[in-house]
Amino acid sequence: MRKLLILLPFLIIPVSTWAQETPKYEIFGGYSGFAANVNNSSFYMNGVTVSAQENLNSWFGGVLDFSTHFGTDNHLKTNAQTISYGPVFSYRKAKIIVPFAHAMVGVERGGTNYLNISQPEERLAVLAGGGLDVKLLPRIALRLIQVDYVYSGFSNNRQDNLRFSAGVVFLLGKKK
């Protein structure tokens, strides 16, 4: 017991200094669910989301985001992809918990049969949302939840979509 008490400060000090560092880059990948057209004939698709984030300082950066989803709409197989970019704001005052918010603009591509389109189409997409990361190790965090509102407009109609994601974040480099 006495040896443990002597070693305890050496174990705690490195963990607390790791938690206070801002990574230069964050790479996220994980499961994603997509509730398409929630105002009208909504349907659900499964897929993945990946993103690369560069932190310019401890609270501000830019994020490039890509997601792809597959499912069925009116008993027909379909898919949708989004790629977007925008600013991200992170709150890094807590040691292991990092909430964040972002707003992105990009393109959504709807495959055949997506929201009643006959041919694949690309449309403007606007995403706004945020989430919560929990640091597990110095270079690995768990994204418990990320929720994004996704606006798009297919078939001359407005679509209000929701995207839910969770997965692993790799924390690379150190911001000086």
Protein backbone atom coordinates (compact mmCIF):
# COMPACT_ATOMS: atom_id res chain seq x y z
CA MET A 1 0.00 0.00 0.00
CA ARG A 2 2.83 2.37 0.85
CA LYS A 3 4.50 1.77 -2.54
CA LEU A 4 1.22 2.57 -4.28
CA LEU A 5 0.94 5.89 -2.44
CA ILE A 6 4.50 6.78 -3.45
CA LEU A 7 3.83 5.94 -7.14
CA LEU A 8 0.40 7.57 -7.30
CA PRO A 9 1.65 11.14 -8.05
CA PHE A 10 3.80 9.81 -10.92
CA LEU A 11 0.76 8.11 -12.43
CA ILE A 12 -1.61 11.06 -12.03
CA ILE A 13 0.68 13.88 -13.25
CA PRO A 14 1.21 12.50 -16.79
CA VAL A 15 -2.51 11.79 -17.22
CA SER A 16 -3.47 15.33 -16.22
CA THR A 17 -0.92 16.87 -18.63
CA TRP A 18 -2.13 14.64 -21.50
CA ALA A 19 -5.70 15.76 -20.94
CA GLN A 20 -4.78 19.46 -21.22
CA GLU A 21 -3.02 19.25 -24.59
CA THR A 22 -4.85 20.35 -27.71
CA PRO A 23 -4.31 17.94 -30.61
CA LYS A 24 -3.32 19.49 -33.93
CA TYR A 25 -5.55 17.03 -35.86
CA GLU A 26 -8.52 14.85 -34.96
CA ILE A 27 -9.61 11.96 -37.19
CA PHE A 28 -13.08 10.53 -36.51
CA GLY A 29 -14.72 7.40 -37.88
CA GLY A 30 -17.82 5.55 -36.81
CA TYR A 31 -21.38 4.37 -37.25
CA SER A 32 -23.96 6.82 -38.51
CA GLY A 33 -27.73 6.73 -38.70
CA PHE A 34 -29.66 9.06 -41.00
CA ALA A 35 -33.33 9.99 -40.54
CA ALA A 36 -34.23 11.36 -43.96
CA ASN A 37 -37.03 13.84 -44.60
CA VAL A 38 -38.29 13.93 -41.02
CA ASN A 39 -41.10 16.39 -41.85
CA ASN A 40 -42.87 14.23 -44.41
CA SER A 41 -42.40 10.60 -45.42
CA SER A 42 -39.41 9.90 -43.23
CA PHE A 43 -37.28 6.76 -43.43
CA TYR A 44 -34.07 5.63 -41.76
CA MET A 45 -30.72 4.66 -43.30
CA ASN A 46 -27.55 3.18 -41.78
CA GLY A 47 -24.00 4.11 -42.73
CA VAL A 48 -20.69 5.61 -41.67
CA THR A 49 -19.27 9.07 -41.03
CA VAL A 50 -15.61 10.06 -41.20
CA SER A 51 -14.12 13.48 -40.57
CA ALA A 52 -10.75 15.22 -40.36
CA GLN A 53 -10.41 18.24 -38.11
CA GLU A 54 -7.53 20.70 -37.81
CA ASN A 55 -7.39 22.72 -34.60
CA LEU A 56 -6.02 26.24 -35.07
CA ASN A 57 -6.06 26.84 -31.30
CA SER A 58 -7.64 25.21 -28.25
CA TRP A 59 -11.21 26.23 -29.17
CA PHE A 60 -11.41 26.83 -32.95
CA GLY A 61 -10.68 24.78 -36.06
CA GLY A 62 -12.00 23.51 -39.36
CA VAL A 63 -13.60 20.16 -40.10
CA LEU A 64 -14.01 18.21 -43.38
CA ASP A 65 -16.83 15.67 -43.05
CA PHE A 66 -17.98 12.78 -45.26
CA SER A 67 -20.85 10.36 -44.68
CA THR A 68 -22.58 7.64 -46.67
CA HIS A 69 -25.88 5.93 -45.85
CA PHE A 70 -27.88 3.04 -47.33
CA GLY A 71 -31.48 2.02 -46.83
CA THR A 72 -34.89 1.60 -48.43
CA ASP A 73 -37.43 4.28 -49.32
CA ASN A 74 -40.90 3.07 -50.42
CA HIS A 75 -39.52 -0.50 -50.55
CA LEU A 76 -36.78 0.52 -53.03
CA LYS A 77 -33.05 0.44 -52.19
CA THR A 78 -31.39 3.83 -52.13
CA ASN A 79 -28.37 5.71 -50.77
CA ALA A 80 -27.15 9.20 -49.95
CA GLN A 81 -23.74 10.75 -49.37
CA THR A 82 -22.69 14.12 -47.96
CA ILE A 83 -19.38 15.95 -48.05
CA SER A 84 -19.08 19.25 -46.23
CA TYR A 85 -16.64 21.67 -44.62
CA GLY A 86 -16.90 24.36 -41.96
CA PRO A 87 -15.77 25.76 -38.62
CA VAL A 88 -15.78 23.76 -35.39
CA PHE A 89 -15.81 25.16 -31.86
CA SER A 90 -14.55 22.99 -28.97
CA TYR A 91 -14.71 23.54 -25.23
CA ARG A 92 -11.53 22.04 -23.74
CA LYS A 93 -11.70 23.25 -20.13
CA ALA A 94 -12.62 19.83 -18.71
CA LYS A 95 -9.84 17.25 -18.45
CA ILE A 96 -11.41 14.39 -20.38
CA ILE A 97 -14.74 15.66 -21.76
CA VAL A 98 -14.76 17.84 -24.90
CA PRO A 99 -18.11 19.12 -26.16
CA PHE A 100 -18.09 20.68 -29.63
CA ALA A 101 -20.34 22.44 -32.14
CA HIS A 102 -19.93 22.90 -35.88
CA ALA A 103 -21.65 24.40 -38.94
CA MET A 104 -20.80 23.10 -42.40
CA VAL A 105 -21.76 23.66 -46.01
CA GLY A 106 -21.35 21.11 -48.77
CA VAL A 107 -23.10 18.75 -51.16
CA GLU A 108 -25.53 15.89 -50.64
CA ARG A 109 -25.78 13.28 -53.37
CA GLY A 110 -28.99 11.30 -53.51
CA GLY A 111 -28.96 7.97 -55.31
CA THR A 112 -31.73 6.60 -57.48
CA ASN A 113 -35.03 6.36 -55.54
CA TYR A 114 -33.79 8.75 -52.83
CA LEU A 115 -36.76 10.98 -51.96
CA ASN A 116 -38.51 9.96 -55.19
CA ILE A 117 -35.77 11.06 -57.61
CA SER A 118 -35.33 8.93 -60.73
CA GLN A 119 -31.63 9.64 -61.34
CA PRO A 120 -28.79 10.41 -58.91
CA GLU A 121 -28.64 14.14 -58.11
CA GLU A 122 -26.42 16.50 -56.14
CA ARG A 123 -27.82 19.32 -54.05
CA LEU A 124 -26.61 21.93 -51.58
CA ALA A 125 -26.38 20.61 -48.03
CA VAL A 126 -26.15 22.67 -44.85
CA LEU A 127 -25.23 20.88 -41.62
CA ALA A 128 -25.30 22.20 -38.06
CA GLY A 129 -24.77 20.23 -34.90
CA GLY A 130 -22.38 19.07 -32.27
CA GLY A 131 -21.38 16.30 -29.97
CA LEU A 132 -19.40 15.04 -27.03
CA ASP A 133 -15.97 13.35 -27.00
CA VAL A 134 -14.53 11.52 -23.98
CA LYS A 135 -10.77 11.04 -23.84
CA LEU A 136 -9.85 7.42 -23.13
CA LEU A 137 -6.09 7.52 -23.75
CA PRO A 138 -3.65 10.32 -24.66
CA ARG A 139 -4.29 9.79 -28.39
CA ILE A 140 -7.74 8.17 -28.44
CA ALA A 141 -11.18 9.54 -27.58
CA LEU A 142 -14.65 8.06 -27.83
CA ARG A 143 -17.28 10.16 -29.58
CA LEU A 144 -20.30 9.27 -27.48
CA ILE A 145 -22.72 11.18 -29.67
CA GLN A 146 -22.76 13.57 -32.59
CA VAL A 147 -26.10 14.93 -33.79
CA ASP A 148 -26.42 16.99 -36.96
CA TYR A 149 -29.33 18.70 -38.65
CA VAL A 150 -28.89 18.27 -42.43
CA TYR A 151 -30.81 20.54 -44.79
CA SER A 152 -31.14 19.55 -48.47
CA GLY A 153 -33.58 20.09 -51.32
CA PHE A 154 -34.44 17.25 -53.70
CA SER A 155 -37.42 17.14 -56.08
CA ASN A 156 -37.89 20.88 -55.58
CA ASN A 157 -38.80 20.24 -51.94
CA ARG A 158 -37.08 21.06 -48.69
CA GLN A 159 -35.79 18.09 -46.68
CA ASP A 160 -35.01 18.34 -42.98
CA ASN A 161 -32.82 15.39 -42.04
CA LEU A 162 -31.12 14.25 -38.83
CA ARG A 163 -27.82 12.40 -38.62
CA PHE A 164 -26.64 10.56 -35.49
CA SER A 165 -23.04 9.34 -35.21
CA ALA A 166 -20.77 7.64 -32.66
CA GLY A 167 -17.28 6.16 -32.92
CA VAL A 168 -13.57 6.63 -32.29
CA VAL A 169 -11.49 9.83 -32.53
CA PHE A 170 -7.73 9.67 -33.07
CA LEU A 171 -5.89 12.68 -31.63
CA LEU A 172 -2.74 13.46 -33.61
CA GLY A 173 0.06 15.93 -32.92
CA LYS A 174 0.08 18.80 -30.47
CA LYS A 175 -1.05 22.35 -31.05
CA LYS A 176 1.62 24.76 -29.83
